[in-house]
Protein backbone atom coordinates (compact mmCIF):
# COMPACT_ATOMS: atom_id res chain seq x y z
CA UNK A 1 107.36 57.69 164.58
CA UNK A 2 107.71 55.08 161.85
CA UNK A 3 109.91 55.47 158.83
CA UNK A 4 106.80 55.99 156.68
CA UNK A 5 105.56 58.77 158.92
CA UNK A 6 109.03 60.36 158.90
CA UNK A 7 109.00 60.33 155.07
CA UNK A 8 105.53 61.82 154.93
CA UNK A 9 106.55 64.60 157.35
CA UNK A 10 109.63 65.40 155.26
CA UNK A 11 107.52 65.66 152.13
CA UNK A 12 105.19 68.13 153.82
CA UNK A 13 108.11 70.44 154.78
CA UNK A 14 108.51 73.51 152.45
CA UNK A 15 111.85 73.72 150.68
CA UNK A 16 114.63 75.63 152.43
CA UNK A 17 114.59 78.30 149.72
CA UNK A 18 111.24 78.86 148.03
CA UNK A 19 110.84 79.67 144.39
CA UNK A 20 109.42 83.14 143.86
CA UNK A 21 106.44 83.20 141.56
CA UNK A 22 107.58 84.77 138.27
CA UNK A 23 106.17 88.13 137.19
CA UNK A 24 104.49 87.09 133.94
CA UNK A 25 103.75 90.70 132.98
CA UNK A 26 107.43 91.59 133.15
CA UNK A 27 108.35 88.44 131.24
CA UNK A 28 105.88 89.22 128.46
CA UNK A 29 107.07 92.84 128.26
CA UNK A 30 110.69 91.75 128.05
CA UNK A 31 109.73 89.16 125.47
CA UNK A 32 108.07 91.80 123.31
CA UNK A 33 111.23 93.94 123.44
CA UNK A 34 113.38 90.97 122.48
CA UNK A 35 111.04 90.12 119.60
CA UNK A 36 111.26 93.67 118.26
CA UNK A 37 115.05 93.63 118.34
CA UNK A 38 115.35 90.19 116.78
CA UNK A 39 112.76 90.93 114.12
CA UNK A 40 114.93 93.78 112.87
CA UNK A 41 117.93 91.44 112.64
CA UNK A 42 116.54 88.04 111.69
CA UNK A 43 112.82 88.38 110.93
CA UNK A 44 110.31 85.75 112.05
CA UNK A 45 113.00 83.45 113.48
CA UNK A 46 113.54 85.86 116.37
CA UNK A 47 109.81 85.86 117.20
CA UNK A 48 109.66 82.08 117.28
CA UNK A 49 112.70 81.84 119.58
CA UNK A 50 111.19 84.28 122.06
CA UNK A 51 107.81 82.49 122.10
CA UNK A 52 109.61 79.22 122.94
CA UNK A 53 111.33 80.97 125.88
CA UNK A 54 107.98 82.18 127.24
CA UNK A 55 106.46 78.68 126.89
CA UNK A 56 109.34 77.11 128.84
CA UNK A 57 108.84 79.59 131.70
CA UNK A 58 105.07 79.01 131.77
CA UNK A 59 105.62 75.24 131.77
CA UNK A 60 108.03 75.49 134.70
CA UNK A 61 105.48 77.41 136.76
CA UNK A 62 102.76 74.88 135.99
CA UNK A 63 104.95 71.97 137.16
CA UNK A 64 106.03 73.77 140.34
CA UNK A 65 102.55 74.71 141.65
CA UNK A 66 99.77 73.22 139.57
CA UNK A 67 97.02 73.95 142.11
CA UNK A 68 97.78 77.52 143.23
CA UNK A 69 96.54 79.52 140.21
CA UNK A 70 95.57 78.75 136.62
CA UNK A 71 97.98 79.94 133.96
CA UNK A 72 97.08 81.24 130.53
CA UNK A 73 97.34 78.70 127.71
CA UNK A 74 100.45 78.88 125.57
CA UNK A 75 98.51 80.36 122.68
CA UNK A 76 97.81 83.48 124.75
CA UNK A 77 101.44 84.60 124.74
CA UNK A 78 101.34 87.83 122.70
CA UNK A 79 103.30 87.82 119.46
CA UNK A 80 104.10 91.28 118.12
CA UNK A 81 102.88 91.72 114.58
CA UNK A 82 105.30 92.90 111.92
CA UNK A 83 105.29 96.70 111.58
CA UNK A 84 103.55 98.13 108.58
CA UNK A 85 105.89 99.75 106.04
CA UNK A 86 106.17 103.51 106.44
CA UNK A 87 104.03 105.33 103.86
CA UNK A 88 105.88 107.29 101.24
CA UNK A 89 105.85 111.03 101.80
CA UNK A 90 103.22 112.58 99.51
CA UNK A 91 105.25 115.79 99.35
CA UNK A 92 108.21 114.31 97.44
CA UNK A 93 107.69 112.82 94.01
CA UNK A 94 109.64 112.37 90.83
CA UNK A 95 107.31 113.74 88.20
CA UNK A 96 107.13 114.59 84.54
CA UNK A 97 107.80 118.23 83.79
CA UNK A 98 104.85 120.59 84.18
CA UNK A 99 104.45 124.01 82.70
CA UNK A 100 105.84 126.79 84.88
CA UNK A 101 103.32 128.93 86.72
CA UNK A 102 105.01 132.32 86.80
CA UNK A 103 108.69 133.07 86.39
CA UNK A 104 111.36 130.37 86.23
CA UNK A 105 114.14 131.04 88.78
CA UNK A 106 117.74 129.90 88.07
CA UNK A 107 119.40 128.23 91.06
CA UNK A 108 122.90 129.07 89.88
CA UNK A 109 123.77 125.36 89.72
CA UNK A 110 124.68 122.92 86.97
CA UNK A 111 123.67 119.30 86.81
CA UNK A 112 124.05 116.37 84.44
CA UNK A 113 125.69 117.35 81.17
CA UNK A 114 126.20 120.90 82.42
CA UNK A 115 122.48 121.61 82.25
CA UNK A 116 121.12 124.47 84.34
CA UNK A 117 119.02 123.77 87.42
CA UNK A 118 115.94 125.94 87.94
CA UNK A 119 113.02 126.15 90.35
CA UNK A 120 109.47 127.21 89.53
CA UNK A 121 105.89 126.85 90.67
CA UNK A 122 103.57 124.50 88.81
CA UNK A 123 99.82 124.07 88.95
CA UNK A 124 98.21 121.22 90.93
CA UNK A 125 94.71 119.96 90.25
CA UNK A 126 94.01 117.20 92.75
CA UNK A 127 90.42 116.73 94.02
CA UNK A 128 91.64 115.18 97.28
CA UNK A 129 93.54 118.41 98.05
CA UNK A 130 91.09 121.19 97.13
CA UNK A 131 93.10 123.92 98.90
CA UNK A 132 96.41 123.04 97.25
CA UNK A 133 96.63 124.72 93.86
CA UNK A 134 100.38 124.86 93.27
CA UNK A 135 103.67 123.25 94.22
CA UNK A 136 107.36 123.73 93.52
CA UNK A 137 109.44 121.92 90.96
CA UNK A 138 113.19 121.55 90.55
CA UNK A 139 114.05 120.89 86.91
CA UNK A 140 116.69 121.03 84.21
CA UNK A 141 116.36 123.78 81.66
CA UNK A 142 116.95 122.02 78.36
CA UNK A 143 119.16 123.80 75.78
CA UNK A 144 116.58 123.09 73.08
CA UNK A 145 113.79 124.55 75.22
CA UNK A 146 111.44 123.18 77.82
CA UNK A 147 112.16 121.65 81.21
CA UNK A 148 112.89 118.20 82.59
CA UNK A 149 111.61 117.70 86.14
CA UNK A 150 113.84 116.24 88.83
CA UNK A 151 111.92 116.71 92.07
CA UNK A 152 108.53 118.16 93.03
CA UNK A 153 107.28 119.26 96.43
CA UNK A 154 103.95 120.61 97.57
CA UNK A 155 101.73 121.06 100.59
CA UNK A 156 99.44 118.06 101.05
CA UNK A 157 97.46 119.00 104.15
CA UNK A 158 95.38 122.13 104.54
CA UNK A 159 95.92 125.23 102.43
CA UNK A 160 98.97 125.88 100.27
CA UNK A 161 98.93 129.56 101.31
CA UNK A 162 98.38 129.30 105.04
CA UNK A 163 100.92 131.32 107.00
CA UNK A 164 104.28 129.61 107.43
CA UNK A 165 106.72 127.25 105.76
CA UNK A 166 105.60 124.76 103.14
CA UNK A 167 107.01 122.00 100.93
CA UNK A 168 110.48 122.00 102.49
CA UNK A 169 112.35 119.18 100.76
CA UNK A 170 115.46 118.41 98.75
CA UNK A 171 118.89 117.43 99.93
CA UNK A 172 118.69 114.42 97.60
CA UNK A 173 120.70 112.95 94.76
CA UNK A 174 118.32 112.57 91.84
CA UNK A 175 119.78 110.83 88.80
CA UNK A 176 123.25 111.80 89.96
CA UNK A 177 122.41 115.48 90.52
CA UNK A 178 122.25 116.98 94.01
CA UNK A 179 119.00 118.86 94.56
CA UNK A 180 119.44 121.58 97.21
CA UNK A 181 117.06 122.00 100.15
CA UNK A 182 114.21 124.26 99.03
CA UNK A 183 110.68 125.33 99.93
CA UNK A 184 108.49 128.38 100.25
CA UNK A 185 107.15 130.65 102.96
CA UNK A 186 103.66 132.10 102.80
CA UNK A 187 103.78 135.51 104.47
CA UNK A 188 105.72 138.80 104.41
CA UNK A 189 109.18 137.25 104.74
CA UNK A 190 112.31 138.70 103.15
CA UNK A 191 114.85 136.47 104.95
CA UNK A 192 114.93 132.77 105.78
CA UNK A 193 117.64 131.53 108.12
CA UNK A 194 118.49 128.50 110.23
CA UNK A 195 121.40 126.79 111.93
CA UNK A 196 123.26 123.60 111.01
CA UNK A 197 125.11 122.04 113.91
CA UNK A 198 125.21 125.43 115.59
CA UNK A 199 126.41 127.34 112.53
CA UNK A 200 124.04 129.99 111.08
CA UNK A 201 122.98 129.58 107.46
CA UNK A 202 120.86 131.80 105.23
CA UNK A 203 118.74 130.87 102.24
CA UNK A 204 118.36 132.70 98.98
CA UNK A 205 114.83 134.14 98.84
CA UNK A 206 112.87 135.18 95.72
CA UNK A 207 109.20 136.31 95.71
CA UNK A 208 106.92 134.28 93.47
CA UNK A 209 105.92 136.38 90.45
CA UNK A 210 102.32 135.15 90.64
CA UNK A 211 101.92 136.07 94.31
CA UNK A 212 104.64 138.17 96.00
CA UNK A 213 103.39 137.09 99.43
CA UNK A 214 104.83 133.65 98.64
CA UNK A 215 108.62 133.56 99.05
CA UNK A 216 110.52 130.75 97.30
CA UNK A 217 113.83 129.88 98.96
CA UNK A 218 116.71 127.42 98.71
CA UNK A 219 119.96 126.78 100.59
CA UNK A 220 123.53 126.35 99.42
CA UNK A 221 124.17 122.60 99.20
CA UNK A 222 127.66 123.04 100.68
CA UNK A 223 126.09 124.41 103.86
CA UNK A 224 122.87 122.39 104.11
CA UNK A 225 122.99 118.78 102.96
CA UNK A 226 119.53 117.80 104.19
CA UNK A 227 116.35 119.45 105.51
CA UNK A 228 116.71 117.36 108.68
CA UNK A 229 119.83 119.23 109.85
CA UNK A 230 118.04 122.60 109.97
CA UNK A 231 117.24 123.62 113.56
CA UNK A 232 114.95 125.49 113.12
CA UNK A 233 113.78 127.41 110.05
CA UNK A 234 113.16 131.07 110.85
CA UNK A 235 111.56 133.79 108.71
CA UNK A 236 112.03 137.56 109.14
CA UNK A 237 110.08 140.48 107.69
CA UNK A 238 111.48 143.68 106.11
CA UNK A 239 111.84 145.28 109.58
CA UNK A 240 113.96 142.40 110.82
CA UNK A 241 111.19 141.10 113.03
CA UNK A 242 110.96 137.37 113.48
CA UNK A 243 107.81 135.89 111.93
CA UNK A 244 108.16 132.36 113.28
CA UNK A 245 108.99 130.90 116.67
C-alpha cells in the first residue's frame, strides 16, 4: 500500500469518539428559558445573546456533517416576544366621590387629617356591564359635608347580585391612608371569616340598607393586610351553616 493509499484509508476511518448529533429541540427550549430570564434582568440584550448561542451551535453542526441532514436557516430560531403588560384590574379604581346609595357605614377608622373613613354603595351605570348596578366605595366623610372617594370596587363580570363574594379589594395605601380589605357577600350570610397564615380572622358584617340580602364586610387592618393572604373567605348563615366551600 502506497503512502497515498494509507492517507486515504486513514481519512475514511471514523473518529475514535463520534460527536453525538445535538438535540435541537432541547437547545431551542433551553434557549427560550434563558431568554425569558435574561429579558427580566436586561431586556433585549439577553435575547440577542441567546440567539447568538443558538447560531453558533447550528453552525457547528453544519460544518461537522454538511450532507447528513439539512438544518433550519438561522432566521428560524424562535425569539420569544416581549410579554404584554398585565391589564389593570377593572375592579379597583380611584374615582371621584359618588352619591351614597343607601346608608353610609362608618369603618371606625381615621385617615388623613383625622377624617373619618366610611364605606357605602354607589350606583353604576355602565352599558358594557348591564347586570352590575352598584359597587362599593371607601371614602372620607368631610367635616363640612359630603364625601371624598379613596377607593372603589365593583363586580365586573356577570351579575352584581349572584350568590357569593364580590368586589373583594383593599389592603392598599391610598394617599397615605390604609384602606382595609372589604367587599360584599350576596346571600343570607351573617358571618364572614377566613384565616391568615393559619390564624382565624373575622370580618365586621353590616347588611346593605337597600337590600338586606347583600352583606357589606371589612376586616381589621391589623389582622388582614391584603386580600391575598385570606385562605379562604367563608360565609355562614344565621344557623351557623357554611354557605361557601
